[in-house]
N, C-alpha and C. Protein backbone atom coordinates (compact mmCIF):
# COMPACT_ATOMS: atom_id res chain seq x y z
N UNK A 1 -101.04 -44.79 72.77
CA UNK A 1 -100.12 -44.01 73.57
C UNK A 1 -100.92 -42.95 74.31
N UNK A 2 -100.67 -42.77 75.57
CA UNK A 2 -101.34 -41.75 76.36
C UNK A 2 -100.59 -40.44 76.18
N UNK A 3 -101.20 -39.47 75.53
CA UNK A 3 -100.55 -38.19 75.29
C UNK A 3 -101.62 -37.13 75.13
N UNK A 4 -101.68 -36.21 76.09
CA UNK A 4 -102.71 -35.17 76.06
C UNK A 4 -102.05 -33.83 76.38
N UNK A 5 -102.32 -32.81 75.56
CA UNK A 5 -101.88 -31.45 75.84
C UNK A 5 -103.11 -30.57 75.89
N UNK A 6 -103.27 -29.83 76.98
CA UNK A 6 -104.46 -29.01 77.15
C UNK A 6 -104.04 -27.55 77.21
N UNK A 7 -104.50 -26.71 76.23
CA UNK A 7 -104.14 -25.29 76.29
C UNK A 7 -104.85 -24.62 77.45
N UNK A 8 -104.13 -23.78 78.18
CA UNK A 8 -104.71 -23.04 79.30
C UNK A 8 -104.27 -21.59 79.22
N UNK A 9 -105.04 -20.69 79.83
CA UNK A 9 -104.68 -19.28 79.86
C UNK A 9 -104.04 -18.95 81.20
N UNK A 10 -103.03 -18.10 81.17
CA UNK A 10 -102.48 -17.55 82.40
C UNK A 10 -102.18 -16.08 82.14
N UNK A 11 -101.55 -15.39 83.10
CA UNK A 11 -101.33 -13.95 82.94
C UNK A 11 -100.40 -13.63 81.77
N UNK A 12 -99.62 -14.58 81.32
CA UNK A 12 -98.71 -14.35 80.19
C UNK A 12 -99.33 -14.76 78.86
N UNK A 13 -100.55 -15.30 78.88
CA UNK A 13 -101.21 -15.71 77.64
C UNK A 13 -101.44 -17.20 77.58
N UNK A 14 -101.61 -17.69 76.37
CA UNK A 14 -101.91 -19.09 76.16
C UNK A 14 -100.68 -19.96 76.42
N UNK A 15 -100.84 -21.01 77.21
CA UNK A 15 -99.75 -21.95 77.50
C UNK A 15 -100.27 -23.36 77.29
N UNK A 16 -99.38 -24.30 77.24
CA UNK A 16 -99.75 -25.71 77.13
C UNK A 16 -99.51 -26.40 78.46
N UNK A 17 -100.47 -27.20 78.89
CA UNK A 17 -100.31 -28.01 80.08
C UNK A 17 -99.57 -29.28 79.67
N UNK A 18 -98.32 -29.41 80.09
CA UNK A 18 -97.52 -30.57 79.69
C UNK A 18 -97.39 -31.59 80.82
N UNK A 19 -98.26 -31.48 81.82
CA UNK A 19 -98.27 -32.49 82.88
C UNK A 19 -98.64 -33.82 82.27
N UNK A 20 -97.83 -34.86 82.53
CA UNK A 20 -98.15 -36.16 81.92
C UNK A 20 -99.54 -36.63 82.34
N UNK A 21 -100.31 -37.14 81.39
CA UNK A 21 -101.63 -37.64 81.74
C UNK A 21 -101.53 -38.86 82.64
N UNK A 22 -102.39 -38.94 83.60
CA UNK A 22 -102.39 -40.07 84.53
C UNK A 22 -103.82 -40.37 84.93
N UNK A 23 -104.08 -41.62 85.21
CA UNK A 23 -105.39 -41.95 85.74
C UNK A 23 -105.32 -43.21 86.58
N UNK A 24 -106.22 -43.28 87.55
CA UNK A 24 -106.37 -44.46 88.39
C UNK A 24 -107.49 -45.31 87.81
N UNK A 25 -107.30 -46.61 87.89
CA UNK A 25 -108.30 -47.52 87.35
C UNK A 25 -108.50 -48.66 88.33
N UNK A 26 -109.75 -48.90 88.70
CA UNK A 26 -110.08 -50.03 89.56
C UNK A 26 -110.28 -51.29 88.75
N UNK A 27 -109.82 -52.41 89.26
CA UNK A 27 -110.01 -53.70 88.61
C UNK A 27 -110.67 -54.66 89.60
N UNK A 28 -111.74 -55.30 89.17
CA UNK A 28 -112.40 -56.31 89.99
C UNK A 28 -111.52 -57.56 90.04
N UNK A 29 -111.72 -58.40 91.06
CA UNK A 29 -110.93 -59.64 91.13
C UNK A 29 -111.09 -60.46 89.84
N UNK A 30 -109.97 -60.99 89.35
CA UNK A 30 -109.89 -61.84 88.16
C UNK A 30 -110.25 -61.11 86.86
N UNK A 31 -110.21 -59.77 86.87
CA UNK A 31 -110.45 -59.03 85.63
C UNK A 31 -109.11 -58.69 84.98
N UNK A 32 -109.17 -58.40 83.68
CA UNK A 32 -107.95 -58.08 82.94
C UNK A 32 -108.06 -56.71 82.29
N UNK A 33 -106.91 -56.14 82.01
CA UNK A 33 -106.81 -54.89 81.27
C UNK A 33 -105.63 -55.02 80.33
N UNK A 34 -105.83 -54.63 79.07
CA UNK A 34 -104.77 -54.72 78.07
C UNK A 34 -104.34 -53.32 77.67
N UNK A 35 -103.04 -53.08 77.71
CA UNK A 35 -102.46 -51.81 77.30
C UNK A 35 -101.68 -52.09 76.02
N UNK A 36 -102.17 -51.61 74.88
CA UNK A 36 -101.61 -51.97 73.57
C UNK A 36 -100.11 -51.70 73.44
N UNK A 37 -99.62 -50.56 73.94
CA UNK A 37 -98.20 -50.23 73.88
C UNK A 37 -97.79 -49.68 75.23
N UNK A 38 -97.08 -50.49 76.00
CA UNK A 38 -96.72 -50.11 77.37
C UNK A 38 -95.45 -49.27 77.45
N UNK A 39 -94.78 -49.02 76.33
CA UNK A 39 -93.54 -48.26 76.35
C UNK A 39 -93.77 -46.87 76.93
N UNK A 40 -93.00 -46.51 77.95
CA UNK A 40 -93.09 -45.19 78.55
C UNK A 40 -94.25 -44.97 79.47
N UNK A 41 -94.98 -46.02 79.81
CA UNK A 41 -96.12 -45.89 80.73
C UNK A 41 -95.75 -46.55 82.06
N UNK A 42 -95.73 -45.75 83.13
CA UNK A 42 -95.47 -46.31 84.46
C UNK A 42 -96.77 -46.87 85.01
N UNK A 43 -96.73 -48.14 85.39
CA UNK A 43 -97.88 -48.83 85.95
C UNK A 43 -97.60 -49.03 87.43
N UNK A 44 -98.43 -48.42 88.28
CA UNK A 44 -98.22 -48.50 89.73
C UNK A 44 -99.44 -49.13 90.38
N UNK A 45 -99.21 -50.11 91.21
CA UNK A 45 -100.29 -50.73 91.97
C UNK A 45 -100.59 -49.84 93.18
N UNK A 46 -101.82 -49.39 93.29
CA UNK A 46 -102.24 -48.55 94.43
C UNK A 46 -102.87 -49.41 95.54
N UNK A 47 -103.59 -50.46 95.11
CA UNK A 47 -104.30 -51.30 96.08
C UNK A 47 -104.44 -52.69 95.47
N UNK A 48 -104.41 -53.73 96.30
CA UNK A 48 -104.58 -55.09 95.83
C UNK A 48 -103.28 -55.68 95.31
N UNK A 49 -103.39 -56.55 94.31
CA UNK A 49 -102.19 -57.09 93.66
C UNK A 49 -102.51 -57.38 92.20
N UNK A 50 -101.54 -57.09 91.37
CA UNK A 50 -101.69 -57.17 89.91
C UNK A 50 -100.60 -58.08 89.36
N UNK A 51 -101.02 -59.03 88.53
CA UNK A 51 -100.06 -59.83 87.76
C UNK A 51 -99.94 -59.15 86.41
N UNK A 52 -98.71 -58.91 85.96
CA UNK A 52 -98.45 -58.18 84.73
C UNK A 52 -97.50 -58.99 83.85
N UNK A 53 -97.78 -59.03 82.57
CA UNK A 53 -96.88 -59.67 81.62
C UNK A 53 -96.88 -58.87 80.32
N UNK A 54 -95.75 -58.91 79.61
CA UNK A 54 -95.62 -58.27 78.30
C UNK A 54 -95.62 -59.34 77.23
N UNK A 55 -96.19 -59.04 76.08
CA UNK A 55 -96.15 -59.97 74.95
C UNK A 55 -94.70 -60.34 74.63
N UNK A 56 -94.47 -61.61 74.37
CA UNK A 56 -93.15 -62.12 73.97
C UNK A 56 -92.04 -61.80 74.97
N UNK A 57 -92.38 -61.75 76.23
CA UNK A 57 -91.40 -61.52 77.29
C UNK A 57 -91.59 -62.63 78.30
N UNK A 58 -90.53 -63.38 78.62
CA UNK A 58 -90.69 -64.52 79.53
C UNK A 58 -90.95 -64.13 80.99
N UNK A 59 -90.74 -62.86 81.31
CA UNK A 59 -90.93 -62.43 82.70
C UNK A 59 -92.40 -62.26 83.04
N UNK A 60 -92.74 -62.57 84.25
CA UNK A 60 -94.04 -62.24 84.84
C UNK A 60 -93.74 -61.40 86.07
N UNK A 61 -94.54 -60.38 86.29
CA UNK A 61 -94.32 -59.46 87.41
C UNK A 61 -95.59 -59.40 88.24
N UNK A 62 -95.45 -59.46 89.55
CA UNK A 62 -96.58 -59.25 90.45
C UNK A 62 -96.33 -57.95 91.19
N UNK A 63 -97.28 -57.03 91.05
CA UNK A 63 -97.18 -55.73 91.71
C UNK A 63 -98.06 -55.71 92.96
N UNK A 64 -97.48 -55.30 94.06
CA UNK A 64 -98.19 -55.08 95.32
C UNK A 64 -98.34 -53.57 95.50
N UNK A 65 -99.16 -53.11 96.45
CA UNK A 65 -99.33 -51.67 96.65
C UNK A 65 -97.98 -50.95 96.79
N UNK A 66 -97.81 -49.90 95.98
CA UNK A 66 -96.58 -49.12 95.98
C UNK A 66 -95.56 -49.57 94.94
N UNK A 67 -95.70 -50.78 94.40
CA UNK A 67 -94.78 -51.27 93.37
C UNK A 67 -95.13 -50.66 92.02
N UNK A 68 -94.08 -50.39 91.21
CA UNK A 68 -94.27 -49.84 89.87
C UNK A 68 -93.53 -50.67 88.84
N UNK A 69 -93.97 -50.56 87.60
CA UNK A 69 -93.33 -51.23 86.48
C UNK A 69 -93.26 -50.24 85.33
N UNK A 70 -92.10 -50.18 84.65
CA UNK A 70 -91.91 -49.28 83.52
C UNK A 70 -91.04 -49.99 82.50
N UNK A 71 -91.40 -49.92 81.24
CA UNK A 71 -90.60 -50.53 80.18
C UNK A 71 -90.44 -49.56 79.02
N UNK A 72 -89.37 -49.76 78.25
CA UNK A 72 -89.17 -49.00 77.02
C UNK A 72 -89.54 -49.85 75.81
N UNK A 73 -89.90 -51.10 76.05
CA UNK A 73 -90.26 -52.02 74.98
C UNK A 73 -91.66 -51.70 74.45
N UNK A 74 -91.78 -51.64 73.14
CA UNK A 74 -93.09 -51.41 72.51
C UNK A 74 -93.81 -52.75 72.41
N UNK A 75 -94.45 -53.11 73.49
CA UNK A 75 -95.18 -54.39 73.57
C UNK A 75 -96.50 -54.17 74.31
N UNK A 76 -97.42 -55.09 74.06
CA UNK A 76 -98.69 -55.05 74.78
C UNK A 76 -98.44 -55.55 76.20
N UNK A 77 -99.04 -54.87 77.17
CA UNK A 77 -98.99 -55.31 78.57
C UNK A 77 -100.38 -55.82 78.93
N UNK A 78 -100.40 -56.95 79.60
CA UNK A 78 -101.64 -57.52 80.09
C UNK A 78 -101.61 -57.49 81.61
N UNK A 79 -102.60 -56.85 82.21
CA UNK A 79 -102.71 -56.77 83.66
C UNK A 79 -103.87 -57.65 84.11
N UNK A 80 -103.66 -58.42 85.16
CA UNK A 80 -104.68 -59.31 85.70
C UNK A 80 -104.77 -59.04 87.20
N UNK A 81 -105.98 -58.72 87.67
CA UNK A 81 -106.18 -58.43 89.09
C UNK A 81 -106.32 -59.74 89.87
N UNK A 82 -105.38 -59.99 90.76
CA UNK A 82 -105.44 -61.18 91.59
C UNK A 82 -106.49 -61.03 92.69
N UNK A 83 -106.84 -59.79 92.98
CA UNK A 83 -107.87 -59.45 93.96
C UNK A 83 -108.39 -58.06 93.57
N UNK A 84 -109.35 -57.53 94.28
CA UNK A 84 -109.83 -56.18 94.00
C UNK A 84 -108.63 -55.23 94.07
N UNK A 85 -108.39 -54.50 92.98
CA UNK A 85 -107.15 -53.72 92.88
C UNK A 85 -107.40 -52.36 92.25
N UNK A 86 -106.42 -51.48 92.41
CA UNK A 86 -106.42 -50.18 91.76
C UNK A 86 -105.02 -49.94 91.23
N UNK A 87 -104.92 -49.55 89.96
CA UNK A 87 -103.63 -49.23 89.36
C UNK A 87 -103.65 -47.79 88.87
N UNK A 88 -102.47 -47.19 88.84
CA UNK A 88 -102.29 -45.85 88.31
C UNK A 88 -101.43 -45.99 87.06
N UNK A 89 -101.86 -45.37 85.96
CA UNK A 89 -101.11 -45.37 84.72
C UNK A 89 -100.72 -43.94 84.40
N UNK A 90 -99.44 -43.71 84.14
CA UNK A 90 -98.96 -42.37 83.81
C UNK A 90 -97.88 -42.49 82.74
N UNK A 91 -97.98 -41.63 81.72
CA UNK A 91 -96.95 -41.57 80.69
C UNK A 91 -95.79 -40.76 81.25
N UNK A 92 -94.62 -41.39 81.37
CA UNK A 92 -93.46 -40.68 81.90
C UNK A 92 -92.55 -40.19 80.78
N UNK A 93 -92.58 -40.83 79.65
CA UNK A 93 -91.88 -40.38 78.45
C UNK A 93 -92.43 -41.19 77.29
N UNK A 94 -92.26 -40.67 76.10
CA UNK A 94 -92.76 -41.37 74.92
C UNK A 94 -91.57 -41.83 74.09
N UNK A 95 -91.08 -43.06 74.30
CA UNK A 95 -89.95 -43.52 73.51
C UNK A 95 -90.32 -43.61 72.04
N UNK A 96 -89.34 -43.36 71.20
CA UNK A 96 -89.58 -43.44 69.76
C UNK A 96 -89.98 -44.85 69.37
N UNK A 97 -90.86 -44.93 68.41
CA UNK A 97 -91.27 -46.23 67.91
C UNK A 97 -90.09 -46.91 67.23
N UNK A 98 -90.13 -48.22 67.17
CA UNK A 98 -89.08 -48.96 66.49
C UNK A 98 -89.01 -48.49 65.05
N UNK A 99 -87.80 -48.27 64.52
CA UNK A 99 -87.70 -47.78 63.15
C UNK A 99 -88.29 -48.78 62.16
N UNK A 100 -88.96 -48.26 61.15
CA UNK A 100 -89.54 -49.10 60.11
C UNK A 100 -88.44 -49.50 59.13
N UNK A 101 -88.40 -50.77 58.81
CA UNK A 101 -87.45 -51.22 57.80
C UNK A 101 -88.15 -51.16 56.45
N UNK A 102 -87.38 -50.99 55.38
CA UNK A 102 -87.98 -50.91 54.05
C UNK A 102 -88.58 -52.26 53.67
N UNK A 103 -89.50 -52.25 52.71
CA UNK A 103 -90.18 -53.47 52.30
C UNK A 103 -89.22 -54.57 51.86
N UNK A 104 -88.19 -54.28 51.01
CA UNK A 104 -87.29 -55.36 50.60
C UNK A 104 -86.56 -56.00 51.78
N UNK A 105 -86.18 -55.20 52.78
CA UNK A 105 -85.48 -55.75 53.94
C UNK A 105 -86.44 -56.62 54.74
N UNK A 106 -87.70 -56.15 54.96
CA UNK A 106 -88.68 -56.95 55.70
C UNK A 106 -88.97 -58.25 54.95
N UNK A 107 -89.08 -58.18 53.62
CA UNK A 107 -89.34 -59.38 52.83
C UNK A 107 -88.17 -60.35 52.92
N UNK A 108 -86.95 -59.81 52.82
CA UNK A 108 -85.77 -60.68 52.90
C UNK A 108 -85.70 -61.36 54.27
N UNK A 109 -86.05 -60.64 55.31
CA UNK A 109 -86.03 -61.23 56.66
C UNK A 109 -87.05 -62.36 56.76
N UNK A 110 -88.12 -62.27 55.97
CA UNK A 110 -89.14 -63.32 55.98
C UNK A 110 -88.85 -64.41 54.96
N UNK A 111 -87.70 -64.28 54.25
CA UNK A 111 -87.33 -65.29 53.26
C UNK A 111 -88.06 -65.12 51.93
N UNK A 112 -88.54 -63.91 51.64
CA UNK A 112 -89.27 -63.64 50.40
C UNK A 112 -88.53 -62.60 49.58
N UNK A 113 -88.90 -62.45 48.32
CA UNK A 113 -88.40 -61.37 47.48
C UNK A 113 -89.59 -60.74 46.79
N UNK A 114 -89.38 -59.59 46.16
CA UNK A 114 -90.46 -58.89 45.47
C UNK A 114 -91.04 -59.77 44.37
N UNK A 115 -90.24 -60.62 43.71
CA UNK A 115 -90.72 -61.47 42.65
C UNK A 115 -91.68 -62.55 43.18
N UNK A 116 -91.55 -62.91 44.46
CA UNK A 116 -92.40 -63.95 45.03
C UNK A 116 -93.74 -63.42 45.50
N UNK A 117 -93.90 -62.11 45.50
CA UNK A 117 -95.15 -61.52 45.97
C UNK A 117 -96.25 -61.78 44.97
N UNK A 118 -97.44 -62.23 45.41
CA UNK A 118 -98.55 -62.44 44.49
C UNK A 118 -99.02 -61.12 43.90
N UNK A 119 -99.46 -61.18 42.66
CA UNK A 119 -99.90 -59.95 41.95
C UNK A 119 -101.29 -59.56 42.39
């Protein structure tokens, strides 16, 4: 997750810089970039064209200059440069992670019980 807070001084004292972190990244033709958790990260194509897909999502998106993509899904995003490209990544909000289910519920969902677990 992209999240940076930088303390700064001003006339009123110590403050926190809460400007969302952002950066531009150049991609060579046919290169890839993987973003482990794309939730809350706006991906904007600045130059070139980018093919973007999320894990376990049937959609494929092609971004041209000026196009943006934003998701609330906690999934890996894979970006592929169709040509020499530049993308901007900025955290616009940090959605809460999916709630953790307790071990017995996760085991039951997988068709297991605590008694079936190897010692």
